[in-house]
PDB file of N, CA and C in Angstrom:
ATOM      1  N   MET A   1       0.818  -1.186   0.000  1.00  0.00           N
ATOM      2  CA  MET A   1       0.000   0.000   0.000  1.00  0.00           C
ATOM      3  C   MET A   1       0.866   1.255   0.000  1.00  0.00           C
ATOM      4  N   PHE A   2       1.869   1.301   0.952  1.00  0.00           N
ATOM      5  CA  PHE A   2       2.709   2.482   1.039  1.00  0.00           C
ATOM      6  C   PHE A   2       3.600   2.626  -0.193  1.00  0.00           C
ATOM      7  N   LYS A   3       4.060   1.501  -0.737  1.00  0.00           N
ATOM      8  CA  LYS A   3       4.926   1.564  -1.909  1.00  0.00           C
ATOM      9  C   LYS A   3       4.180   2.185  -3.086  1.00  0.00           C
ATOM     10  N   LYS A   4       2.922   1.799  -3.254  1.00  0.00           N
ATOM     11  CA  LYS A   4       2.137   2.351  -4.356  1.00  0.00           C
ATOM     12  C   LYS A   4       1.877   3.840  -4.145  1.00  0.00           C
ATOM     13  N   ALA A   5       1.625   4.227  -2.908  1.00  0.00           N
ATOM     14  CA  ALA A   5       1.358   5.636  -2.627  1.00  0.00           C
ATOM     15  C   ALA A   5       2.603   6.485  -2.872  1.00  0.00           C
ATOM     16  N   PHE A   6       3.780   6.018  -2.403  1.00  0.00           N
ATOM     17  CA  PHE A   6       5.012   6.764  -2.640  1.00  0.00           C
ATOM     18  C   PHE A   6       5.342   6.819  -4.129  1.00  0.00           C
ATOM     19  N   PHE A   7       5.147   5.718  -4.835  1.00  0.00           N
ATOM     20  CA  PHE A   7       5.425   5.706  -6.267  1.00  0.00           C
ATOM     21  C   PHE A   7       4.516   6.684  -6.988  1.00  0.00           C
ATOM     22  N   LEU A   8       3.242   6.705  -6.622  1.00  0.00           N
ATOM     23  CA  LEU A   8       2.296   7.623  -7.252  1.00  0.00           C
ATOM     24  C   LEU A   8       2.673   9.059  -6.952  1.00  0.00           C
ATOM     25  N   LEU A   9       3.036   9.347  -5.708  1.00  0.00           N
ATOM     26  CA  LEU A   9       3.408  10.698  -5.328  1.00  0.00           C
ATOM     27  C   LEU A   9       4.631  11.175  -6.105  1.00  0.00           C
ATOM     28  N   PHE A  10       5.671  10.358  -6.152  1.00  0.00           N
ATOM     29  CA  PHE A  10       6.884  10.781  -6.836  1.00  0.00           C
ATOM     30  C   PHE A  10       6.731  10.795  -8.351  1.00  0.00           C
ATOM     31  N   SER A  11       5.905   9.926  -8.903  1.00  0.00           N
ATOM     32  CA  SER A  11       5.700   9.963 -10.350  1.00  0.00           C
ATOM     33  C   SER A  11       4.899  11.184 -10.756  1.00  0.00           C
ATOM     34  N   LEU A  12       4.067  11.699  -9.865  1.00  0.00           N
ATOM     35  CA  LEU A  12       3.329  12.924 -10.168  1.00  0.00           C
ATOM     36  C   LEU A  12       4.184  14.168  -9.957  1.00  0.00           C
ATOM     37  N   LEU A  13       5.141  14.111  -9.042  1.00  0.00           N
ATOM     38  CA  LEU A  13       5.972  15.272  -8.762  1.00  0.00           C
ATOM     39  C   LEU A  13       7.196  15.376  -9.660  1.00  0.00           C
ATOM     40  N   ALA A  14       7.588  14.296 -10.310  1.00  0.00           N
ATOM     41  CA  ALA A  14       8.788  14.316 -11.150  1.00  0.00           C
ATOM     42  C   ALA A  14       8.681  15.310 -12.307  1.00  0.00           C
ATOM     43  N   PRO A  15       7.569  15.372 -13.041  1.00  0.00           N
ATOM     44  CA  PRO A  15       7.503  16.373 -14.123  1.00  0.00           C
ATOM     45  C   PRO A  15       7.595  17.800 -13.620  1.00  0.00           C
ATOM     46  N   MET A  16       7.114  18.055 -12.409  1.00  0.00           N
ATOM     47  CA  MET A  16       7.211  19.403 -11.857  1.00  0.00           C
ATOM     48  C   MET A  16       8.663  19.806 -11.668  1.00  0.00           C
ATOM     49  N   ALA A  17       9.483  18.869 -11.228  1.00  0.00           N
ATOM     50  CA  ALA A  17      10.896  19.168 -11.025  1.00  0.00           C
ATOM     51  C   ALA A  17      11.591  19.451 -12.356  1.00  0.00           C
ATOM     52  N   LEU A  18      11.182  18.774 -13.407  1.00  0.00           N
ATOM     53  CA  LEU A  18      11.797  18.995 -14.711  1.00  0.00           C
ATOM     54  C   LEU A  18      11.464  20.375 -15.263  1.00  0.00           C
ATOM     55  N   PHE A  19      10.228  20.811 -15.073  1.00  0.00           N
ATOM     56  CA  PHE A  19       9.822  22.109 -15.603  1.00  0.00           C
ATOM     57  C   PHE A  19      10.198  23.260 -14.688  1.00  0.00           C
ATOM     58  N   ALA A  20      10.557  22.971 -13.450  1.00  0.00           N
ATOM     59  CA  ALA A  20      10.918  24.031 -12.516  1.00  0.00           C
ATOM     60  C   ALA A  20      12.196  24.732 -12.954  1.00  0.00           C
ATOM     61  N   GLU A  21      13.147  23.986 -13.497  1.00  0.00           N
ATOM     62  CA  GLU A  21      14.396  24.599 -13.935  1.00  0.00           C
ATOM     63  C   GLU A  21      14.159  25.519 -15.131  1.00  0.00           C
ATOM     64  N   GLU A  22      13.293  25.104 -16.053  1.00  0.00           N
ATOM     65  CA  GLU A  22      12.985  25.949 -17.204  1.00  0.00           C
ATOM     66  C   GLU A  22      12.286  27.229 -16.765  1.00  0.00           C
ATOM     67  N   ALA A  23      11.388  27.113 -15.804  1.00  0.00           N
ATOM     68  CA  ALA A  23      10.682  28.293 -15.318  1.00  0.00           C
ATOM     69  C   ALA A  23      11.638  29.232 -14.592  1.00  0.00           C
ATOM     70  N   ALA A  24      12.590  28.667 -13.858  1.00  0.00           N
ATOM     71  CA  ALA A  24      13.562  29.498 -13.153  1.00  0.00           C
ATOM     72  C   ALA A  24      14.488  30.206 -14.133  1.00  0.00           C
ATOM     73  N   ALA A  25      14.830  29.536 -15.218  1.00  0.00           N
ATOM     74  CA  ALA A  25      15.687  30.156 -16.226  1.00  0.00           C
ATOM     75  C   ALA A  25      14.939  31.258 -16.979  1.00  0.00           C
ATOM     76  N   ALA A  26      13.631  31.089 -17.153  1.00  0.00           N
ATOM     77  CA  ALA A  26      12.843  32.077 -17.878  1.00  0.00           C
ATOM     78  C   ALA A  26      12.640  33.345 -17.060  1.00  0.00           C
ATOM     79  N   ALA A  27      12.571  33.215 -15.768  1.00  0.00           N
ATOM     80  CA  ALA A  27      12.363  34.384 -14.911  1.00  0.00           C
ATOM     81  C   ALA A  27      13.696  35.104 -14.725  1.00  0.00           C
ATOM     82  N   SER A  28      13.733  36.379 -15.074  1.00  0.00           N
ATOM     83  CA  SER A  28      14.990  37.118 -14.969  1.00  0.00           C
ATOM     84  C   SER A  28      15.264  37.566 -13.539  1.00  0.00           C
ATOM     85  N   THR A  29      14.212  37.857 -12.789  1.00  0.00           N
ATOM     86  CA  THR A  29      14.398  38.257 -11.398  1.00  0.00           C
ATOM     87  C   THR A  29      13.670  37.271 -10.512  1.00  0.00           C
ATOM     88  N   GLY A  30      14.289  36.938  -9.402  1.00  0.00           N
ATOM     89  CA  GLY A  30      13.676  36.007  -8.461  1.00  0.00           C
ATOM     90  C   GLY A  30      12.693  36.727  -7.550  1.00  0.00           C
ATOM     91  N   SER A  31      11.500  36.209  -7.443  1.00  0.00           N
ATOM     92  CA  SER A  31      10.504  36.814  -6.566  1.00  0.00           C
ATOM     93  C   SER A  31      10.489  36.078  -5.239  1.00  0.00           C
ATOM     94  N   GLY A  32       9.727  36.597  -4.316  1.00  0.00           N
ATOM     95  CA  GLY A  32       9.597  35.954  -3.018  1.00  0.00           C
ATOM     96  C   GLY A  32       8.936  34.599  -3.126  1.00  0.00           C
ATOM     97  N   LEU A  33       8.058  34.448  -4.123  1.00  0.00           N
ATOM     98  CA  LEU A  33       7.380  33.170  -4.314  1.00  0.00           C
ATOM     99  C   LEU A  33       8.362  32.088  -4.755  1.00  0.00           C
ATOM    100  N   ASP A  34       9.344  32.464  -5.574  1.00  0.00           N
ATOM    101  CA  ASP A  34      10.363  31.499  -5.988  1.00  0.00           C
ATOM    102  C   ASP A  34      11.187  31.027  -4.795  1.00  0.00           C
ATOM    103  N   LYS A  35      11.565  31.969  -3.949  1.00  0.00           N
ATOM    104  CA  LYS A  35      12.355  31.615  -2.770  1.00  0.00           C
ATOM    105  C   LYS A  35      11.547  30.756  -1.811  1.00  0.00           C
ATOM    106  N   MET A  36      10.265  31.072  -1.684  1.00  0.00           N
ATOM    107  CA  MET A  36       9.428  30.269  -0.803  1.00  0.00           C
ATOM    108  C   MET A  36       9.297  28.842  -1.336  1.00  0.00           C
ATOM    109  N   GLY A  37       9.173  28.705  -2.654  1.00  0.00           N
ATOM    110  CA  GLY A  37       9.081  27.375  -3.257  1.00  0.00           C
ATOM    111  C   GLY A  37      10.342  26.562  -3.055  1.00  0.00           C
ATOM    112  N   LEU A  38      11.498  27.210  -3.180  1.00  0.00           N
ATOM    113  CA  LEU A  38      12.760  26.514  -2.955  1.00  0.00           C
ATOM    114  C   LEU A  38      12.908  26.083  -1.500  1.00  0.00           C
ATOM    115  N   ALA A  39      12.533  26.959  -0.590  1.00  0.00           N
ATOM    116  CA  ALA A  39      12.624  26.613   0.835  1.00  0.00           C
ATOM    117  C   ALA A  39      11.654  25.488   1.176  1.00  0.00           C
ATOM    118  N   LEU A  40      10.458  25.553   0.623  1.00  0.00           N
ATOM    119  CA  LEU A  40       9.477  24.496   0.873  1.00  0.00           C
ATOM    120  C   LEU A  40       9.943  23.169   0.274  1.00  0.00           C
ATOM    121  N   GLY A  41      10.526  23.221  -0.915  1.00  0.00           N
ATOM    122  CA  GLY A  41      11.040  22.007  -1.545  1.00  0.00           C
ATOM    123  C   GLY A  41      12.175  21.390  -0.754  1.00  0.00           C
ATOM    124  N   ALA A  42      13.059  22.225  -0.215  1.00  0.00           N
ATOM    125  CA  ALA A  42      14.165  21.708   0.591  1.00  0.00           C
ATOM    126  C   ALA A  42      13.646  21.055   1.859  1.00  0.00           C
ATOM    127  N   GLY A  43      12.684  21.693   2.493  1.00  0.00           N
ATOM    128  CA  GLY A  43      12.119  21.119   3.710  1.00  0.00           C
ATOM    129  C   GLY A  43      11.383  19.824   3.451  1.00  0.00           C
ATOM    130  N   LEU A  44      10.601  19.786   2.378  1.00  0.00           N
ATOM    131  CA  LEU A  44       9.867  18.566   2.046  1.00  0.00           C
ATOM    132  C   LEU A  44      10.811  17.445   1.638  1.00  0.00           C
ATOM    133  N   ALA A  45      11.890  17.784   0.944  1.00  0.00           N
ATOM    134  CA  ALA A  45      12.837  16.750   0.511  1.00  0.00           C
ATOM    135  C   ALA A  45      13.443  16.030   1.697  1.00  0.00           C
ATOM    136  N   ILE A  46      13.886  16.779   2.673  1.00  0.00           N
ATOM    137  CA  ILE A  46      14.520  16.132   3.817  1.00  0.00           C
ATOM    138  C   ILE A  46      13.491  15.454   4.707  1.00  0.00           C
ATOM    139  N   ALA A  47      12.277  16.012   4.788  1.00  0.00           N
ATOM    140  CA  ALA A  47      11.241  15.388   5.620  1.00  0.00           C
ATOM    141  C   ALA A  47      10.812  14.040   5.056  1.00  0.00           C
ATOM    142  N   VAL A  48      10.569  13.980   3.755  1.00  0.00           N
ATOM    143  CA  VAL A  48      10.152  12.721   3.128  1.00  0.00           C
ATOM    144  C   VAL A  48      11.287  11.701   3.187  1.00  0.00           C
ATOM    145  N   ALA A  49      12.513  12.161   2.959  1.00  0.00           N
ATOM    146  CA  ALA A  49      13.650  11.236   2.998  1.00  0.00           C
ATOM    147  C   ALA A  49      13.868  10.682   4.401  1.00  0.00           C
ATOM    148  N   ALA A  50      13.757  11.533   5.406  1.00  0.00           N
ATOM    149  CA  ALA A  50      13.949  11.057   6.777  1.00  0.00           C
ATOM    150  C   ALA A  50      12.837  10.094   7.183  1.00  0.00           C
ATOM    151  N   ALA A  51      11.611  10.404   6.786  1.00  0.00           N
ATOM    152  CA  ALA A  51      10.496   9.506   7.116  1.00  0.00           C
ATOM    153  C   ALA A  51      10.655   8.163   6.416  1.00  0.00           C
ATOM    154  N   GLY A  52      10.964   8.198   5.126  1.00  0.00           N
ATOM    155  CA  GLY A  52      11.151   6.947   4.387  1.00  0.00           C
ATOM    156  C   GLY A  52      12.340   6.144   4.896  1.00  0.00           C
ATOM    157  N   GLY A  53      13.428   6.843   5.211  1.00  0.00           N
ATOM    158  CA  GLY A  53      14.603   6.157   5.743  1.00  0.00           C
ATOM    159  C   GLY A  53      14.328   5.539   7.105  1.00  0.00           C
ATOM    160  N   GLY A  54      13.589   6.261   7.947  1.00  0.00           N
ATOM    161  CA  GLY A  54      13.242   5.722   9.258  1.00  0.00           C
ATOM    162  C   GLY A  54      12.354   4.494   9.166  1.00  0.00           C
ATOM    163  N   ILE A  55      11.393   4.540   8.265  1.00  0.00           N
ATOM    164  CA  ILE A  55      10.513   3.377   8.060  1.00  0.00           C
ATOM    165  C   ILE A  55      11.317   2.198   7.530  1.00  0.00           C
ATOM    166  N   GLY A  56      12.170   2.461   6.553  1.00  0.00           N
ATOM    167  CA  GLY A  56      12.989   1.390   5.975  1.00  0.00           C
ATOM    168  C   GLY A  56      13.943   0.777   6.985  1.00  0.00           C
ATOM    169  N   GLN A  57      14.590   1.613   7.780  1.00  0.00           N
ATOM    170  CA  GLN A  57      15.520   1.095   8.779  1.00  0.00           C
ATOM    171  C   GLN A  57      14.786   0.324   9.865  1.00  0.00           C
ATOM    172  N   GLY A  58      13.610   0.776  10.226  1.00  0.00           N
ATOM    173  CA  GLY A  58      12.823   0.038  11.207  1.00  0.00           C
ATOM    174  C   GLY A  58      12.426  -1.336  10.707  1.00  0.00           C
ATOM    175  N   ARG A  59      12.041  -1.409   9.445  1.00  0.00           N
ATOM    176  CA  ARG A  59      11.653  -2.705   8.885  1.00  0.00           C
ATOM    177  C   ARG A  59      12.852  -3.640   8.758  1.00  0.00           C
ATOM    178  N   VAL A  60      14.003  -3.096   8.364  1.00  0.00           N
ATOM    179  CA  VAL A  60      15.216  -3.924   8.261  1.00  0.00           C
ATOM    180  C   VAL A  60      15.607  -4.459   9.633  1.00  0.00           C
ATOM    181  N   GLY A  61      15.599  -3.585  10.634  1.00  0.00           N
ATOM    182  CA  GLY A  61      15.958  -4.016  11.981  1.00  0.00           C
ATOM    183  C   GLY A  61      14.996  -5.052  12.532  1.00  0.00           C
ATOM    184  N   ALA A  62      13.699  -4.850  12.301  1.00  0.00           N
ATOM    185  CA  ALA A  62      12.704  -5.806  12.796  1.00  0.00           C
ATOM    186  C   ALA A  62      12.862  -7.165  12.128  1.00  0.00           C
ATOM    187  N   ALA A  63      13.084  -7.153  10.824  1.00  0.00           N
ATOM    188  CA  ALA A  63      13.245  -8.417  10.109  1.00  0.00           C
ATOM    189  C   ALA A  63      14.511  -9.151  10.564  1.00  0.00           C
ATOM    190  N   ALA A  64      15.589  -8.390  10.781  1.00  0.00           N
ATOM    191  CA  ALA A  64      16.834  -9.028  11.229  1.00  0.00           C
ATOM    192  C   ALA A  64      16.680  -9.606  12.632  1.00  0.00           C
ATOM    193  N   LEU A  65      16.067  -8.871  13.515  1.00  0.00           N
ATOM    194  CA  LEU A  65      15.880  -9.374  14.872  1.00  0.00           C
ATOM    195  C   LEU A  65      14.928 -10.566  14.904  1.00  0.00           C
ATOM    196  N   GLU A  66      13.919 -10.550  14.057  1.00  0.00           N
ATOM    197  CA  GLU A  66      13.016 -11.698  13.990  1.00  0.00           C
ATOM    198  C   GLU A  66      13.752 -12.935  13.472  1.00  0.00           C
ATOM    199  N   GLY A  67      14.604 -12.736  12.474  1.00  0.00           N
ATOM    200  CA  GLY A  67      15.381 -13.859  11.951  1.00  0.00           C
ATOM    201  C   GLY A  67      16.350 -14.418  12.982  1.00  0.00           C
ATOM    202  N   ILE A  68      16.978 -13.518  13.747  1.00  0.00           N
ATOM    203  CA  ILE A  68      17.900 -13.973  14.789  1.00  0.00           C
ATOM    204  C   ILE A  68      17.141 -14.672  15.911  1.00  0.00           C
ATOM    205  N   ALA A  69      15.944 -14.167  16.232  1.00  0.00           N
ATOM    206  CA  ALA A  69      15.150 -14.796  17.293  1.00  0.00           C
ATOM    207  C   ALA A  69      14.696 -16.195  16.891  1.00  0.00           C
ATOM    208  N   ARG A  70      14.405 -16.382  15.621  1.00  0.00           N
ATOM    209  CA  ARG A  70      13.976 -17.707  15.163  1.00  0.00           C
ATOM    210  C   ARG A  70      15.131 -18.692  15.087  1.00  0.00           C
ATOM    211  N   ASN A  71      16.314 -18.178  14.727  1.00  0.00           N
ATOM    212  CA  ASN A  71      17.478 -19.044  14.585  1.00  0.00           C
ATOM    213  C   ASN A  71      18.698 -18.304  15.128  1.00  0.00           C
ATOM    214  N   PRO A  72      18.972 -18.397  16.413  1.00  0.00           N
ATOM    215  CA  PRO A  72      20.089 -17.642  16.999  1.00  0.00           C
ATOM    216  C   PRO A  72      21.450 -17.991  16.401  1.00  0.00           C
ATOM    217  N   GLY A  73      21.592 -19.161  15.838  1.00  0.00           N
ATOM    218  CA  GLY A  73      22.863 -19.544  15.234  1.00  0.00           C
ATOM    219  C   GLY A  73      23.185 -18.775  13.962  1.00  0.00           C
ATOM    220  N   SER A  74      22.193 -18.154  13.377  1.00  0.00           N
ATOM    221  CA  SER A  74      22.417 -17.427  12.122  1.00  0.00           C
ATOM    222  C   SER A  74      22.680 -15.942  12.347  1.00  0.00           C
ATOM    223  N   ALA A  75      22.940 -15.537  13.575  1.00  0.00           N
ATOM    224  CA  ALA A  75      23.138 -14.115  13.883  1.00  0.00           C
ATOM    225  C   ALA A  75      24.310 -13.526  13.100  1.00  0.00           C
ATOM    226  N   ASP A  76      25.405 -14.279  12.977  1.00  0.00           N
ATOM    227  CA  ASP A  76      26.567 -13.777  12.240  1.00  0.00           C
ATOM    228  C   ASP A  76      26.256 -13.585  10.761  1.00  0.00           C
ATOM    229  N   LYS A  77      25.461 -14.487  10.191  1.00  0.00           N
ATOM    230  CA  LYS A  77      25.131 -14.397   8.769  1.00  0.00           C
ATOM    231  C   LYS A  77      24.103 -13.310   8.490  1.00  0.00           C
ATOM    232  N   ILE A  78      23.304 -12.940   9.463  1.00  0.00           N
ATOM    233  CA  ILE A  78      22.277 -11.913   9.276  1.00  0.00           C
ATOM    234  C   ILE A  78      22.836 -10.525   9.556  1.00  0.00           C
ATOM    235  N   PHE A  79      23.784 -10.420  10.483  1.00  0.00           N
ATOM    236  CA  PHE A  79      24.258  -9.116  10.940  1.00  0.00           C
ATOM    237  C   PHE A  79      24.914  -8.295   9.832  1.00  0.00           C
ATOM    238  N   THR A  80      25.798  -8.899   9.056  1.00  0.00           N
ATOM    239  CA  THR A  80      26.522  -8.152   8.022  1.00  0.00           C
ATOM    240  C   THR A  80      25.606  -7.617   6.929  1.00  0.00           C
ATOM    241  N   PRO A  81      24.720  -8.438   6.335  1.00  0.00           N
ATOM    242  CA  PRO A  81      23.802  -7.863   5.337  1.00  0.00           C
ATOM    243  C   PRO A  81      22.871  -6.798   5.923  1.00  0.00           C
ATOM    244  N   MET A  82      22.520  -6.936   7.203  1.00  0.00           N
ATOM    245  CA  MET A  82      21.677  -5.921   7.838  1.00  0.00           C
ATOM    246  C   MET A  82      22.416  -4.588   7.902  1.00  0.00           C
ATOM    247  N   ILE A  83      23.673  -4.612   8.298  1.00  0.00           N
ATOM    248  CA  ILE A  83      24.452  -3.375   8.390  1.00  0.00           C
ATOM    249  C   ILE A  83      24.630  -2.748   7.002  1.00  0.00           C
ATOM    250  N   ILE A  84      24.861  -3.556   5.991  1.00  0.00           N
ATOM    251  CA  ILE A  84      24.993  -3.040   4.623  1.00  0.00           C
ATOM    252  C   ILE A  84      23.685  -2.411   4.168  1.00  0.00           C
ATOM    253  N   GLY A  85      22.567  -3.072   4.447  1.00  0.00           N
ATOM    254  CA  GLY A  85      21.263  -2.516   4.088  1.00  0.00           C
ATOM    255  C   GLY A  85      20.986  -1.205   4.796  1.00  0.00           C
ATOM    256  N   LEU A  86      21.316  -1.128   6.080  1.00  0.00           N
ATOM    257  CA  LEU A  86      21.120   0.113   6.823  1.00  0.00           C
ATOM    258  C   LEU A  86      21.990   1.237   6.268  1.00  0.00           C
ATOM    259  N   ALA A  87      23.211   0.919   5.882  1.00  0.00           N
ATOM    260  CA  ALA A  87      24.103   1.933   5.316  1.00  0.00           C
ATOM    261  C   ALA A  87      23.577   2.442   3.974  1.00  0.00           C
ATOM    262  N   LEU A  88      23.032   1.551   3.151  1.00  0.00           N
ATOM    263  CA  LEU A  88      22.481   1.983   1.864  1.00  0.00           C
ATOM    264  C   LEU A  88      21.242   2.856   2.048  1.00  0.00           C
ATOM    265  N   ILE A  89      20.405   2.501   3.004  1.00  0.00           N
ATOM    266  CA  ILE A  89      19.231   3.326   3.287  1.00  0.00           C
ATOM    267  C   ILE A  89      19.666   4.704   3.784  1.00  0.00           C
ATOM    268  N   GLU A  90      20.642   4.730   4.661  1.00  0.00           N
ATOM    269  CA  GLU A  90      21.114   6.003   5.202  1.00  0.00           C
ATOM    270  C   GLU A  90      21.769   6.851   4.115  1.00  0.00           C
ATOM    271  N   SER A  91      22.433   6.223   3.153  1.00  0.00           N
ATOM    272  CA  SER A  91      23.056   7.001   2.076  1.00  0.00           C
ATOM    273  C   SER A  91      22.009   7.721   1.234  1.00  0.00           C
ATOM    274  N   LEU A  92      20.843   7.112   1.050  1.00  0.00           N
ATOM    275  CA  LEU A  92      19.783   7.789   0.306  1.00  0.00           C
ATOM    276  C   LEU A  92      19.270   9.008   1.061  1.00  0.00           C
ATOM    277  N   VAL A  93      19.209   8.910   2.373  1.00  0.00           N
ATOM    278  CA  VAL A  93      18.783  10.063   3.179  1.00  0.00           C
ATOM    279  C   VAL A  93      19.834  11.171   3.094  1.00  0.00           C
ATOM    280  N   ILE A  94      21.101  10.796   3.080  1.00  0.00           N
ATOM    281  CA  ILE A  94      22.161  11.800   2.963  1.00  0.00           C
ATOM    282  C   ILE A  94      22.112  12.473   1.593  1.00  0.00           C
ATOM    283  N   TYR A  95      21.796  11.733   0.538  1.00  0.00           N
ATOM    284  CA  TYR A  95      21.625  12.359  -0.782  1.00  0.00           C
ATOM    285  C   TYR A  95      20.496  13.375  -0.748  1.00  0.00           C
ATOM    286  N   ALA A  96      19.406  13.072  -0.081  1.00  0.00           N
ATOM    287  CA  ALA A  96      18.302  14.025   0.040  1.00  0.00           C
ATOM    288  C   ALA A  96      18.744  15.262   0.816  1.00  0.00           C
ATOM    289  N   LEU A  97      19.573  15.079   1.836  1.00  0.00           N
ATOM    290  CA  LEU A  97      20.102  16.218   2.584  1.00  0.00           C
ATOM    291  C   LEU A  97      20.960  17.100   1.686  1.00  0.00           C
ATOM    292  N   LEU A  98      21.781  16.493   0.847  1.00  0.00           N
ATOM    293  CA  LEU A  98      22.601  17.272  -0.091  1.00  0.00           C
ATOM    294  C   LEU A  98      21.726  18.046  -1.074  1.00  0.00           C
ATOM    295  N   ILE A  99      20.660  17.432  -1.551  1.00  0.00           N
ATOM    296  CA  ILE A  99      19.741  18.117  -2.461  1.00  0.00           C
ATOM    297  C   ILE A  99      19.083  19.293  -1.743  1.00  0.00           C
ATOM    298  N   ALA A 100      18.704  19.081  -0.491  1.00  0.00           N
ATOM    299  CA  ALA A 100      18.108  20.181   0.285  1.00  0.00           C
ATOM    300  C   ALA A 100      19.090  21.334   0.434  1.00  0.00           C
ATOM    301  N   PHE A 101      20.360  21.025   0.696  1.00  0.00           N
ATOM    302  CA  PHE A 101      21.357  22.094   0.789  1.00  0.00           C
ATOM    303  C   PHE A 101      21.552  22.797  -0.544  1.00  0.00           C
ATOM    304  N   MET A 102      21.518  22.039  -1.627  1.00  0.00           N
ATOM    305  CA  MET A 102      21.656  22.666  -2.942  1.00  0.00           C
ATOM    306  C   MET A 102      20.490  23.602  -3.224  1.00  0.00           C
ATOM    307  N   LEU A 103      19.285  23.205  -2.823  1.00  0.00           N
ATOM    308  CA  LEU A 103      18.137  24.083  -3.005  1.00  0.00           C
ATOM    309  C   LEU A 103      18.242  25.336  -2.133  1.00  0.00           C
ATOM    310  N   LEU A 104      18.742  25.165  -0.917  1.00  0.00           N
ATOM    311  CA  LEU A 104      18.880  26.324  -0.038  1.00  0.00           C
ATOM    312  C   LEU A 104      19.949  27.290  -0.530  1.00  0.00           C
ATOM    313  N   ASN A 105      20.950  26.792  -1.244  1.00  0.00           N
ATOM    314  CA  ASN A 105      21.986  27.685  -1.787  1.00  0.00           C
ATOM    315  C   ASN A 105      21.450  28.555  -2.911  1.00  0.00           C
ATOM    316  N   LYS A 106      20.338  28.177  -3.521  1.00  0.00           N
ATOM    317  CA  LYS A 106      19.750  28.980  -4.592  1.00  0.00           C
ATOM    318  C   LYS A 106      18.896  30.125  -4.061  1.00  0.00           C
ATOM    319  N   ILE A 107      18.639  30.115  -2.769  1.00  0.00           N
ATOM    320  CA  ILE A 107      17.796  31.180  -2.188  1.00  0.00           C
ATOM    321  C   ILE A 107      18.630  32.438  -2.023  1.00  0.00           C
TER     322      ILE A 107
END
């Protein structure tokens, strides 16, 4: 359910991001509305990324702990892929943070 909702949300917002650069290039002077849009976009980018990353990390941790609880002997085999998965999820959140900073630098 959540995957479909996130996919729908991002597929609807992707064309807006493509046309935003053209609109910014067409405007010779930046108005307050442009700055507000950039600030709102930066805030939403990091908020959605942090929420998605938190949900993903929670699910990874729960699945790993459930697997270890069912078979304690497999803790060593589960721990390493769990840490790699958590690092990859966190890297996506850091990319969103970088995008937010890039948007804030345009203000």
